Amino acid sequence: VGQGGLLDVVLDSRFANNRQIYFCFTEKGEGADRGKNGTALARAR
């Protein structure tokens, strides 16, 4: 929404060995945060 969405992505410095990446994105709120959102940082392989 707006300026939010799937945003940055970087490789781990040891990606050649671990295939790890990090990315940040706009995450929808749940429960008490319903109707809100915020930036979240995730890791994955």
PDB file of all heavy atoms in Angstrom:
ATOM      1  N   VAL A   1       0.853  -1.186   0.000  1.00  0.00           N
ATOM      2  CA  VAL A   1       0.000   0.000   0.000  1.00  0.00           C
ATOM      3  C   VAL A   1       0.889   1.236   0.000  1.00  0.00           C
ATOM      4  O   VAL A   1       1.907   1.289   0.676  1.00  0.00           O
ATOM      5  CB  VAL A   1      -0.935   0.022   1.230  1.00  0.00           C
ATOM      6  CG1 VAL A   1      -1.931  -1.104   1.177  1.00  0.00           C
ATOM      7  CG2 VAL A   1      -0.148  -0.030   2.529  1.00  0.00           C
ATOM      8  N   GLY A   2       0.493   2.256  -0.770  1.00  0.00           N
ATOM      9  CA  GLY A   2       1.273   3.485  -0.799  1.00  0.00           C
ATOM     10  C   GLY A   2       2.725   3.213  -1.137  1.00  0.00           C
ATOM     11  O   GLY A   2       3.049   2.614  -2.168  1.00  0.00           O
ATOM     12  N   GLN A   3       3.639   3.618  -0.249  1.00  0.00           N
ATOM     13  CA  GLN A   3       5.065   3.401  -0.450  1.00  0.00           C
ATOM     14  C   GLN A   3       5.532   2.046   0.084  1.00  0.00           C
ATOM     15  O   GLN A   3       6.710   1.718  -0.020  1.00  0.00           O
ATOM     16  CB  GLN A   3       5.847   4.524   0.237  1.00  0.00           C
ATOM     17  CG  GLN A   3       5.569   5.897  -0.342  1.00  0.00           C
ATOM     18  CD  GLN A   3       6.149   7.024   0.506  1.00  0.00           C
ATOM     19  OE1 GLN A   3       6.647   6.808   1.609  1.00  0.00           O
ATOM     20  NE2 GLN A   3       6.077   8.246  -0.010  1.00  0.00           N
ATOM     21  N   GLY A   4       4.612   1.279   0.647  1.00  0.00           N
ATOM     22  CA  GLY A   4       4.976   0.010   1.261  1.00  0.00           C
ATOM     23  C   GLY A   4       4.912  -1.151   0.298  1.00  0.00           C
ATOM     24  O   GLY A   4       4.372  -1.061  -0.799  1.00  0.00           O
ATOM     25  N   GLY A   5       5.464  -2.277   0.732  1.00  0.00           N
ATOM     26  CA  GLY A   5       5.453  -3.495  -0.065  1.00  0.00           C
ATOM     27  C   GLY A   5       6.682  -4.324   0.233  1.00  0.00           C
ATOM     28  O   GLY A   5       7.249  -4.270   1.327  1.00  0.00           O
ATOM     29  N   LEU A   6       7.106  -5.107  -0.754  1.00  0.00           N
ATOM     30  CA  LEU A   6       8.350  -5.866  -0.648  1.00  0.00           C
ATOM     31  C   LEU A   6       9.478  -4.935  -1.075  1.00  0.00           C
ATOM     32  O   LEU A   6       9.496  -4.454  -2.211  1.00  0.00           O
ATOM     33  CB  LEU A   6       8.286  -7.105  -1.539  1.00  0.00           C
ATOM     34  CG  LEU A   6       9.503  -8.031  -1.514  1.00  0.00           C
ATOM     35  CD1 LEU A   6       9.805  -8.534  -0.112  1.00  0.00           C
ATOM     36  CD2 LEU A   6       9.281  -9.211  -2.465  1.00  0.00           C
ATOM     37  N   LEU A   7      10.436  -4.699  -0.193  1.00  0.00           N
ATOM     38  CA  LEU A   7      11.392  -3.616  -0.406  1.00  0.00           C
ATOM     39  C   LEU A   7      12.819  -4.156  -0.543  1.00  0.00           C
ATOM     40  O   LEU A   7      13.118  -4.828  -1.510  1.00  0.00           O
ATOM     41  CB  LEU A   7      11.214  -2.571   0.704  1.00  0.00           C
ATOM     42  CG  LEU A   7       9.769  -2.033   0.815  1.00  0.00           C
ATOM     43  CD1 LEU A   7       9.620  -1.073   1.981  1.00  0.00           C
ATOM     44  CD2 LEU A   7       9.295  -1.392  -0.469  1.00  0.00           C
ATOM     45  N   ASP A   8      13.702  -3.938   0.388  1.00  0.00           N
ATOM     46  CA  ASP A   8      15.118  -4.250   0.160  1.00  0.00           C
ATOM     47  C   ASP A   8      15.424  -5.740   0.292  1.00  0.00           C
ATOM     48  O   ASP A   8      14.703  -6.489   0.970  1.00  0.00           O
ATOM     49  CB  ASP A   8      15.986  -3.470   1.139  1.00  0.00           C
ATOM     50  CG  ASP A   8      17.410  -3.264   0.626  1.00  0.00           C
ATOM     51  OD1 ASP A   8      17.653  -3.461  -0.580  1.00  0.00           O
ATOM     52  OD2 ASP A   8      18.283  -2.895   1.433  1.00  0.00           O
ATOM     53  N   VAL A   9      16.524  -6.148  -0.334  1.00  0.00           N
ATOM     54  CA  VAL A   9      17.045  -7.508  -0.211  1.00  0.00           C
ATOM     55  C   VAL A   9      18.565  -7.456  -0.306  1.00  0.00           C
ATOM     56  O   VAL A   9      19.117  -6.707  -1.122  1.00  0.00           O
ATOM     57  CB  VAL A   9      16.462  -8.451  -1.280  1.00  0.00           C
ATOM     58  CG1 VAL A   9      16.840  -8.010  -2.705  1.00  0.00           C
ATOM     59  CG2 VAL A   9      16.899  -9.891  -1.054  1.00  0.00           C
ATOM     60  N   VAL A  10      19.250  -8.213   0.561  1.00  0.00           N
ATOM     61  CA  VAL A  10      20.709  -8.333   0.509  1.00  0.00           C
ATOM     62  C   VAL A  10      21.090  -9.782   0.740  1.00  0.00           C
ATOM     63  O   VAL A  10      20.339 -10.560   1.356  1.00  0.00           O
ATOM     64  CB  VAL A  10      21.418  -7.435   1.557  1.00  0.00           C
ATOM     65  CG1 VAL A  10      21.114  -5.965   1.319  1.00  0.00           C
ATOM     66  CG2 VAL A  10      21.040  -7.841   2.969  1.00  0.00           C
ATOM     67  N   LEU A  11      22.269 -10.146   0.262  1.00  0.00           N
ATOM     68  CA  LEU A  11      22.808 -11.482   0.493  1.00  0.00           C
ATOM     69  C   LEU A  11      23.653 -11.485   1.759  1.00  0.00           C
ATOM     70  O   LEU A  11      24.324 -10.500   2.076  1.00  0.00           O
ATOM     71  CB  LEU A  11      23.687 -11.931  -0.682  1.00  0.00           C
ATOM     72  CG  LEU A  11      23.111 -11.874  -2.092  1.00  0.00           C
ATOM     73  CD1 LEU A  11      24.108 -12.511  -3.061  1.00  0.00           C
ATOM     74  CD2 LEU A  11      21.758 -12.534  -2.184  1.00  0.00           C
ATOM     75  N   ASP A  12      23.646 -12.595   2.471  1.00  0.00           N
ATOM     76  CA  ASP A  12      24.581 -12.781   3.573  1.00  0.00           C
ATOM     77  C   ASP A  12      26.009 -12.767   3.019  1.00  0.00           C
ATOM     78  O   ASP A  12      26.265 -13.203   1.888  1.00  0.00           O
ATOM     79  CB  ASP A  12      24.293 -14.116   4.266  1.00  0.00           C
ATOM     80  CG  ASP A  12      25.103 -14.316   5.527  1.00  0.00           C
ATOM     81  OD1 ASP A  12      26.238 -14.825   5.426  1.00  0.00           O
ATOM     82  OD2 ASP A  12      24.611 -13.977   6.602  1.00  0.00           O
ATOM     83  N   SER A  13      26.953 -12.270   3.808  1.00  0.00           N
ATOM     84  CA  SER A  13      28.343 -12.217   3.363  1.00  0.00           C
ATOM     85  C   SER A  13      28.915 -13.606   3.076  1.00  0.00           C
ATOM     86  O   SER A  13      29.905 -13.734   2.348  1.00  0.00           O
ATOM     87  CB  SER A  13      29.206 -11.512   4.412  1.00  0.00           C
ATOM     88  OG  SER A  13      29.083 -12.158   5.669  1.00  0.00           O
ATOM     89  N   ARG A  14      28.294 -14.650   3.626  1.00  0.00           N
ATOM     90  CA  ARG A  14      28.724 -16.032   3.378  1.00  0.00           C
ATOM     91  C   ARG A  14      27.690 -16.767   2.529  1.00  0.00           C
ATOM     92  O   ARG A  14      27.525 -17.977   2.633  1.00  0.00           O
ATOM     93  CB  ARG A  14      28.948 -16.752   4.710  1.00  0.00           C
ATOM     94  CG  ARG A  14      30.027 -16.103   5.584  1.00  0.00           C
ATOM     95  CD  ARG A  14      30.280 -16.873   6.870  1.00  0.00           C
ATOM     96  NE  ARG A  14      30.886 -18.178   6.591  1.00  0.00           N
ATOM     97  CZ  ARG A  14      30.261 -19.350   6.737  1.00  0.00           C
ATOM     98  NH1 ARG A  14      28.997 -19.386   7.134  1.00  0.00           N
ATOM     99  NH2 ARG A  14      30.880 -20.465   6.470  1.00  0.00           N
ATOM    100  N   PHE A  15      27.033 -16.034   1.651  1.00  0.00           N
ATOM    101  CA  PHE A  15      25.968 -16.626   0.833  1.00  0.00           C
ATOM    102  C   PHE A  15      26.444 -17.842   0.049  1.00  0.00           C
ATOM    103  O   PHE A  15      25.704 -18.820  -0.110  1.00  0.00           O
ATOM    104  CB  PHE A  15      25.391 -15.577  -0.121  1.00  0.00           C
ATOM    105  CG  PHE A  15      24.328 -16.115  -1.046  1.00  0.00           C
ATOM    106  CD1 PHE A  15      23.004 -16.161  -0.636  1.00  0.00           C
ATOM    107  CD2 PHE A  15      24.650 -16.595  -2.314  1.00  0.00           C
ATOM    108  CE1 PHE A  15      22.025 -16.674  -1.467  1.00  0.00           C
ATOM    109  CE2 PHE A  15      23.675 -17.103  -3.155  1.00  0.00           C
ATOM    110  CZ  PHE A  15      22.351 -17.135  -2.732  1.00  0.00           C
ATOM    111  N   ALA A  16      27.665 -17.792  -0.453  1.00  0.00           N
ATOM    112  CA  ALA A  16      28.180 -18.919  -1.252  1.00  0.00           C
ATOM    113  C   ALA A  16      28.167 -20.220  -0.464  1.00  0.00           C
ATOM    114  O   ALA A  16      28.074 -21.314  -1.059  1.00  0.00           O
ATOM    115  CB  ALA A  16      29.588 -18.611  -1.733  1.00  0.00           C
ATOM    116  N   ASN A  17      28.223 -20.114   0.871  1.00  0.00           N
ATOM    117  CA  ASN A  17      28.216 -21.314   1.709  1.00  0.00           C
ATOM    118  C   ASN A  17      26.850 -21.610   2.320  1.00  0.00           C
ATOM    119  O   ASN A  17      26.477 -22.769   2.485  1.00  0.00           O
ATOM    120  CB  ASN A  17      29.236 -21.157   2.849  1.00  0.00           C
ATOM    121  CG  ASN A  17      30.652 -21.020   2.345  1.00  0.00           C
ATOM    122  OD1 ASN A  17      31.063 -21.725   1.433  1.00  0.00           O
ATOM    123  ND2 ASN A  17      31.400 -20.102   2.931  1.00  0.00           N
ATOM    124  N   ASN A  18      26.087 -20.540   2.664  1.00  0.00           N
ATOM    125  CA  ASN A  18      24.838 -20.787   3.398  1.00  0.00           C
ATOM    126  C   ASN A  18      23.558 -20.419   2.646  1.00  0.00           C
ATOM    127  O   ASN A  18      22.463 -20.674   3.141  1.00  0.00           O
ATOM    128  CB  ASN A  18      24.873 -20.068   4.746  1.00  0.00           C
ATOM    129  CG  ASN A  18      24.988 -18.547   4.609  1.00  0.00           C
ATOM    130  OD1 ASN A  18      24.690 -17.964   3.570  1.00  0.00           O
ATOM    131  ND2 ASN A  18      25.428 -17.899   5.682  1.00  0.00           N
ATOM    132  N   ARG A  19      23.668 -19.759   1.499  1.00  0.00           N
ATOM    133  CA  ARG A  19      22.534 -19.367   0.662  1.00  0.00           C
ATOM    134  C   ARG A  19      21.517 -18.496   1.422  1.00  0.00           C
ATOM    135  O   ARG A  19      20.344 -18.432   1.078  1.00  0.00           O
ATOM    136  CB  ARG A  19      21.837 -20.583   0.039  1.00  0.00           C
ATOM    137  CG  ARG A  19      22.765 -21.493  -0.775  1.00  0.00           C
ATOM    138  CD  ARG A  19      21.999 -22.448  -1.662  1.00  0.00           C
ATOM    139  NE  ARG A  19      21.215 -21.748  -2.668  1.00  0.00           N
ATOM    140  CZ  ARG A  19      21.696 -21.255  -3.806  1.00  0.00           C
ATOM    141  NH1 ARG A  19      22.996 -21.361  -4.091  1.00  0.00           N
ATOM    142  NH2 ARG A  19      20.900 -20.641  -4.663  1.00  0.00           N
ATOM    143  N   GLN A  20      21.993 -17.790   2.439  1.00  0.00           N
ATOM    144  CA  GLN A  20      21.128 -16.979   3.284  1.00  0.00           C
ATOM    145  C   GLN A  20      20.919 -15.597   2.677  1.00  0.00           C
ATOM    146  O   GLN A  20      21.852 -14.985   2.162  1.00  0.00           O
ATOM    147  CB  GLN A  20      21.769 -16.821   4.662  1.00  0.00           C
ATOM    148  CG  GLN A  20      20.864 -16.244   5.725  1.00  0.00           C
ATOM    149  CD  GLN A  20      19.978 -17.298   6.348  1.00  0.00           C
ATOM    150  OE1 GLN A  20      20.381 -18.432   6.523  1.00  0.00           O
ATOM    151  NE2 GLN A  20      18.765 -16.920   6.668  1.00  0.00           N
ATOM    152  N   ILE A  21      19.684 -15.102   2.732  1.00  0.00           N
ATOM    153  CA  ILE A  21      19.375 -13.734   2.319  1.00  0.00           C
ATOM    154  C   ILE A  21      18.593 -13.049   3.440  1.00  0.00           C
ATOM    155  O   ILE A  21      18.036 -13.704   4.330  1.00  0.00           O
ATOM    156  CB  ILE A  21      18.566 -13.663   1.005  1.00  0.00           C
ATOM    157  CG1 ILE A  21      17.141 -14.206   1.220  1.00  0.00           C
ATOM    158  CG2 ILE A  21      19.281 -14.403  -0.114  1.00  0.00           C
ATOM    159  CD1 ILE A  21      16.198 -13.894   0.061  1.00  0.00           C
ATOM    160  N   TYR A  22      18.545 -11.711   3.378  1.00  0.00           N
ATOM    161  CA  TYR A  22      17.760 -10.906   4.301  1.00  0.00           C
ATOM    162  C   TYR A  22      16.935  -9.932   3.467  1.00  0.00           C
ATOM    163  O   TYR A  22      17.418  -9.379   2.480  1.00  0.00           O
ATOM    164  CB  TYR A  22      18.665 -10.136   5.269  1.00  0.00           C
ATOM    165  CG  TYR A  22      19.634 -11.048   5.982  1.00  0.00           C
ATOM    166  CD1 TYR A  22      20.922 -11.254   5.470  1.00  0.00           C
ATOM    167  CD2 TYR A  22      19.250 -11.752   7.117  1.00  0.00           C
ATOM    168  CE1 TYR A  22      21.801 -12.126   6.095  1.00  0.00           C
ATOM    169  CE2 TYR A  22      20.124 -12.624   7.749  1.00  0.00           C
ATOM    170  CZ  TYR A  22      21.403 -12.808   7.235  1.00  0.00           C
ATOM    171  OH  TYR A  22      22.257 -13.685   7.841  1.00  0.00           O
ATOM    172  N   PHE A  23      15.691  -9.751   3.844  1.00  0.00           N
ATOM    173  CA  PHE A  23      14.841  -8.825   3.110  1.00  0.00           C
ATOM    174  C   PHE A  23      13.885  -8.142   4.079  1.00  0.00           C
ATOM    175  O   PHE A  23      13.580  -8.652   5.162  1.00  0.00           O
ATOM    176  CB  PHE A  23      14.084  -9.517   1.975  1.00  0.00           C
ATOM    177  CG  PHE A  23      13.167 -10.636   2.404  1.00  0.00           C
ATOM    178  CD1 PHE A  23      11.805 -10.424   2.610  1.00  0.00           C
ATOM    179  CD2 PHE A  23      13.664 -11.919   2.579  1.00  0.00           C
ATOM    180  CE1 PHE A  23      10.975 -11.458   2.997  1.00  0.00           C
ATOM    181  CE2 PHE A  23      12.838 -12.964   2.961  1.00  0.00           C
ATOM    182  CZ  PHE A  23      11.480 -12.739   3.172  1.00  0.00           C
ATOM    183  N   CYS A  24      13.430  -6.951   3.714  1.00  0.00           N
ATOM    184  CA  CYS A  24      12.475  -6.230   4.547  1.00  0.00           C
ATOM    185  C   CYS A  24      11.240  -5.894   3.729  1.00  0.00           C
ATOM    186  O   CYS A  24      11.290  -5.759   2.506  1.00  0.00           O
ATOM    187  CB  CYS A  24      13.096  -4.997   5.190  1.00  0.00           C
ATOM    188  SG  CYS A  24      13.959  -3.876   4.089  1.00  0.00           S
ATOM    189  N   PHE A  25      10.126  -5.756   4.432  1.00  0.00           N
ATOM    190  CA  PHE A  25       8.843  -5.602   3.762  1.00  0.00           C
ATOM    191  C   PHE A  25       7.834  -4.972   4.706  1.00  0.00           C
ATOM    192  O   PHE A  25       8.064  -4.896   5.926  1.00  0.00           O
ATOM    193  CB  PHE A  25       8.339  -6.956   3.257  1.00  0.00           C
ATOM    194  CG  PHE A  25       8.019  -7.956   4.343  1.00  0.00           C
ATOM    195  CD1 PHE A  25       6.715  -8.179   4.757  1.00  0.00           C
ATOM    196  CD2 PHE A  25       9.038  -8.678   4.961  1.00  0.00           C
ATOM    197  CE1 PHE A  25       6.428  -9.098   5.763  1.00  0.00           C
ATOM    198  CE2 PHE A  25       8.761  -9.600   5.956  1.00  0.00           C
ATOM    199  CZ  PHE A  25       7.451  -9.811   6.364  1.00  0.00           C
ATOM    200  N   THR A  26       6.728  -4.513   4.142  1.00  0.00           N
ATOM    201  CA  THR A  26       5.643  -3.962   4.934  1.00  0.00           C
ATOM    202  C   THR A  26       4.740  -5.105   5.380  1.00  0.00           C
ATOM    203  O   THR A  26       4.192  -5.831   4.550  1.00  0.00           O
ATOM    204  CB  THR A  26       4.838  -2.937   4.121  1.00  0.00           C
ATOM    205  OG1 THR A  26       5.729  -1.953   3.599  1.00  0.00           O
ATOM    206  CG2 THR A  26       3.784  -2.264   4.973  1.00  0.00           C
ATOM    207  N   GLU A  27       4.608  -5.227   6.688  1.00  0.00           N
ATOM    208  CA  GLU A  27       3.848  -6.324   7.283  1.00  0.00           C
ATOM    209  C   GLU A  27       2.521  -5.797   7.823  1.00  0.00           C
ATOM    210  O   GLU A  27       2.476  -4.814   8.559  1.00  0.00           O
ATOM    211  CB  GLU A  27       4.661  -6.953   8.406  1.00  0.00           C
ATOM    212  CG  GLU A  27       3.992  -8.146   9.062  1.00  0.00           C
ATOM    213  CD  GLU A  27       4.830  -8.695  10.206  1.00  0.00           C
ATOM    214  OE1 GLU A  27       5.177  -7.903  11.114  1.00  0.00           O
ATOM    215  OE2 GLU A  27       5.136  -9.898  10.195  1.00  0.00           O
ATOM    216  N   LYS A  28       1.451  -6.481   7.496  1.00  0.00           N
ATOM    217  CA  LYS A  28       0.112  -6.112   7.955  1.00  0.00           C
ATOM    218  C   LYS A  28      -0.050  -6.459   9.425  1.00  0.00           C
ATOM    219  O   LYS A  28       0.377  -7.507   9.881  1.00  0.00           O
ATOM    220  CB  LYS A  28      -0.921  -6.845   7.116  1.00  0.00           C
ATOM    221  CG  LYS A  28      -2.359  -6.408   7.336  1.00  0.00           C
ATOM    222  CD  LYS A  28      -3.274  -7.112   6.350  1.00  0.00           C
ATOM    223  CE  LYS A  28      -4.710  -6.634   6.481  1.00  0.00           C
ATOM    224  NZ  LYS A  28      -5.588  -7.312   5.485  1.00  0.00           N
ATOM    225  N   GLY A  29      -0.692  -5.568  10.169  1.00  0.00           N
ATOM    226  CA  GLY A  29      -0.931  -5.818  11.582  1.00  0.00           C
ATOM    227  C   GLY A  29      -2.081  -6.785  11.815  1.00  0.00           C
ATOM    228  O   GLY A  29      -3.009  -6.899  10.999  1.00  0.00           O
ATOM    229  N   GLU A  30      -2.021  -7.465  12.926  1.00  0.00           N
ATOM    230  CA  GLU A  30      -3.071  -8.394  13.320  1.00  0.00           C
ATOM    231  C   GLU A  30      -3.503  -8.103  14.745  1.00  0.00           C
ATOM    232  O   GLU A  30      -2.806  -7.417  15.503  1.00  0.00           O
ATOM    233  CB  GLU A  30      -2.568  -9.840  13.216  1.00  0.00           C
ATOM    234  CG  GLU A  30      -2.170 -10.252  11.810  1.00  0.00           C
ATOM    235  CD  GLU A  30      -1.633 -11.678  11.752  1.00  0.00           C
ATOM    236  OE1 GLU A  30      -1.423 -12.262  12.845  1.00  0.00           O
ATOM    237  OE2 GLU A  30      -1.443 -12.196  10.642  1.00  0.00           O
ATOM    238  N   GLY A  31      -4.647  -8.634  15.137  1.00  0.00           N
ATOM    239  CA  GLY A  31      -5.117  -8.463  16.503  1.00  0.00           C
ATOM    240  C   GLY A  31      -5.303  -7.003  16.852  1.00  0.00           C
ATOM    241  O   GLY A  31      -6.014  -6.260  16.171  1.00  0.00           O
ATOM    242  N   ALA A  32      -4.626  -6.566  17.915  1.00  0.00           N
ATOM    243  CA  ALA A  32      -4.738  -5.173  18.347  1.00  0.00           C
ATOM    244  C   ALA A  32      -4.184  -4.201  17.310  1.00  0.00           C
ATOM    245  O   ALA A  32      -4.514  -3.015  17.348  1.00  0.00           O
ATOM    246  CB  ALA A  32      -4.007  -4.992  19.677  1.00  0.00           C
ATOM    247  N   ASP A  33      -3.346  -4.699  16.393  1.00  0.00           N
ATOM    248  CA  ASP A  33      -2.762  -3.851  15.345  1.00  0.00           C
ATOM    249  C   ASP A  33      -3.522  -3.946  14.023  1.00  0.00           C
ATOM    250  O   ASP A  33      -3.015  -3.508  12.986  1.00  0.00           O
ATOM    251  CB  ASP A  33      -1.302  -4.243  15.113  1.00  0.00           C
ATOM    252  CG  ASP A  33      -0.400  -3.766  16.229  1.00  0.00           C
ATOM    253  OD1 ASP A  33      -0.693  -2.724  16.834  1.00  0.00           O
ATOM    254  OD2 ASP A  33       0.610  -4.452  16.508  1.00  0.00           O
ATOM    255  N   ARG A  34      -4.699  -4.521  14.054  1.00  0.00           N
ATOM    256  CA  ARG A  34      -5.496  -4.635  12.839  1.00  0.00           C
ATOM    257  C   ARG A  34      -5.722  -3.245  12.239  1.00  0.00           C
ATOM    258  O   ARG A  34      -6.052  -2.285  12.945  1.00  0.00           O
ATOM    259  CB  ARG A  34      -6.837  -5.292  13.154  1.00  0.00           C
ATOM    260  CG  ARG A  34      -7.698  -5.577  11.921  1.00  0.00           C
ATOM    261  CD  ARG A  34      -8.979  -6.285  12.327  1.00  0.00           C
ATOM    262  NE  ARG A  34      -9.829  -6.544  11.189  1.00  0.00           N
ATOM    263  CZ  ARG A  34      -9.724  -7.594  10.392  1.00  0.00           C
ATOM    264  NH1 ARG A  34      -8.779  -8.501  10.623  1.00  0.00           N
ATOM    265  NH2 ARG A  34     -10.539  -7.768   9.378  1.00  0.00           N
ATOM    266  N   GLY A  35      -5.536  -3.113  10.943  1.00  0.00           N
ATOM    267  CA  GLY A  35      -5.663  -1.830  10.268  1.00  0.00           C
ATOM    268  C   GLY A  35      -4.377  -1.023  10.256  1.00  0.00           C
ATOM    269  O   GLY A  35      -4.341   0.073   9.687  1.00  0.00           O
ATOM    270  N   LYS A  36      -3.322  -1.559  10.862  1.00  0.00           N
ATOM    271  CA  LYS A  36      -2.027  -0.893  10.891  1.00  0.00           C
ATOM    272  C   LYS A  36      -0.998  -1.739  10.149  1.00  0.00           C
ATOM    273  O   LYS A  36      -1.263  -2.876   9.758  1.00  0.00           O
ATOM    274  CB  LYS A  36      -1.585  -0.673  12.339  1.00  0.00           C
ATOM    275  CG  LYS A  36      -2.556   0.155  13.170  1.00  0.00           C
ATOM    276  CD  LYS A  36      -2.074   0.274  14.607  1.00  0.00           C
ATOM    277  CE  LYS A  36      -3.054   1.075  15.444  1.00  0.00           C
ATOM    278  NZ  LYS A  36      -2.596   1.203  16.850  1.00  0.00           N
ATOM    279  N   ASN A  37       0.191  -1.187   9.957  1.00  0.00           N
ATOM    280  CA  ASN A  37       1.263  -1.949   9.318  1.00  0.00           C
ATOM    281  C   ASN A  37       2.610  -1.407   9.778  1.00  0.00           C
ATOM    282  O   ASN A  37       2.684  -0.375  10.452  1.00  0.00           O
ATOM    283  CB  ASN A  37       1.135  -1.936   7.787  1.00  0.00           C
ATOM    284  CG  ASN A  37       1.100  -0.530   7.213  1.00  0.00           C
ATOM    285  OD1 ASN A  37       1.838   0.355   7.641  1.00  0.00           O
ATOM    286  ND2 ASN A  37       0.241  -0.303   6.231  1.00  0.00           N
ATOM    287  N   GLY A  38       3.662  -2.103   9.408  1.00  0.00           N
ATOM    288  CA  GLY A  38       4.997  -1.662   9.796  1.00  0.00           C
ATOM    289  C   GLY A  38       6.064  -2.436   9.051  1.00  0.00           C
ATOM    290  O   GLY A  38       5.793  -3.445   8.384  1.00  0.00           O
ATOM    291  N   THR A  39       7.292  -1.969   9.144  1.00  0.00           N
ATOM    292  CA  THR A  39       8.415  -2.601   8.471  1.00  0.00           C
ATOM    293  C   THR A  39       8.897  -3.810   9.263  1.00  0.00           C
ATOM    294  O   THR A  39       9.034  -3.749  10.481  1.00  0.00           O
ATOM    295  CB  THR A  39       9.565  -1.593   8.312  1.00  0.00           C
ATOM    296  OG1 THR A  39       9.092  -0.468   7.567  1.00  0.00           O
ATOM    297  CG2 THR A  39      10.747  -2.214   7.577  1.00  0.00           C
ATOM    298  N   ALA A  40       9.143  -4.896   8.555  1.00  0.00           N
ATOM    299  CA  ALA A  40       9.651  -6.122   9.171  1.00  0.00           C
ATOM    300  C   ALA A  40      10.889  -6.588   8.419  1.00  0.00           C
ATOM    301  O   ALA A  40      11.038  -6.343   7.218  1.00  0.00           O
ATOM    302  CB  ALA A  40       8.583  -7.215   9.150  1.00  0.00           C
ATOM    303  N   LEU A  41      11.791  -7.254   9.144  1.00  0.00           N
ATOM    304  CA  LEU A  41      13.024  -7.809   8.582  1.00  0.00           C
ATOM    305  C   LEU A  41      12.960  -9.331   8.674  1.00  0.00           C
ATOM    306  O   LEU A  41      12.664  -9.870   9.747  1.00  0.00           O
ATOM    307  CB  LEU A  41      14.236  -7.289   9.353  1.00  0.00           C
ATOM    308  CG  LEU A  41      15.607  -7.893   9.024  1.00  0.00           C
ATOM    309  CD1 LEU A  41      16.029  -7.558   7.605  1.00  0.00           C
ATOM    310  CD2 LEU A  41      16.656  -7.399  10.029  1.00  0.00           C
ATOM    311  N   ALA A  42      13.233  -9.999   7.569  1.00  0.00           N
ATOM    312  CA  ALA A  42      13.172 -11.462   7.534  1.00  0.00           C
ATOM    313  C   ALA A  42      14.463 -12.032   6.991  1.00  0.00           C
ATOM    314  O   ALA A  42      15.206 -11.372   6.252  1.00  0.00           O
ATOM    315  CB  ALA A  42      11.998 -11.927   6.676  1.00  0.00           C
ATOM    316  N   ARG A  43      14.733 -13.274   7.371  1.00  0.00           N
ATOM    317  CA  ARG A  43      15.834 -14.032   6.769  1.00  0.00           C
ATOM    318  C   ARG A  43      15.250 -15.282   6.140  1.00  0.00           C
ATOM    319  O   ARG A  43      14.174 -15.766   6.527  1.00  0.00           O
ATOM    320  CB  ARG A  43      16.891 -14.383   7.808  1.00  0.00           C
ATOM    321  CG  ARG A  43      16.438 -15.368   8.854  1.00  0.00           C
ATOM    322  CD  ARG A  43      17.544 -15.664   9.854  1.00  0.00           C
ATOM    323  NE  ARG A  43      17.134 -16.683  10.811  1.00  0.00           N
ATOM    324  CZ  ARG A  43      17.852 -17.028  11.882  1.00  0.00           C
ATOM    325  NH1 ARG A  43      19.021 -16.445  12.113  1.00  0.00           N
ATOM    326  NH2 ARG A  43      17.415 -17.952  12.702  1.00  0.00           N
ATOM    327  N   ALA A  44      15.945 -15.804   5.154  1.00  0.00           N
ATOM    328  CA  ALA A  44      15.483 -17.001   4.457  1.00  0.00           C
ATOM    329  C   ALA A  44      16.663 -17.615   3.722  1.00  0.00           C
ATOM    330  O   ALA A  44      17.735 -17.001   3.584  1.00  0.00           O
ATOM    331  CB  ALA A  44      14.365 -16.657   3.476  1.00  0.00           C
ATOM    332  N   ARG A  45      16.461 -18.814   3.240  1.00  0.00           N
ATOM    333  CA  ARG A  45      17.459 -19.497   2.423  1.00  0.00           C
ATOM    334  C   ARG A  45      16.908 -19.632   1.012  1.00  0.00           C
ATOM    335  O   ARG A  45      15.781 -20.110   0.821  1.00  0.00           O
ATOM    336  CB  ARG A  45      17.758 -20.882   3.012  1.00  0.00           C
ATOM    337  CG  ARG A  45      18.996 -21.555   2.424  1.00  0.00           C
ATOM    338  CD  ARG A  45      19.192 -22.940   3.038  1.00  0.00           C
ATOM    339  NE  ARG A  45      19.162 -22.916   4.495  1.00  0.00           N
ATOM    340  CZ  ARG A  45      20.202 -22.610   5.261  1.00  0.00           C
ATOM    341  NH1 ARG A  45      21.358 -22.278   4.698  1.00  0.00           N
ATOM    342  NH2 ARG A  45      20.082 -22.628   6.575  1.00  0.00           N
TER     343      ARG A  45
END
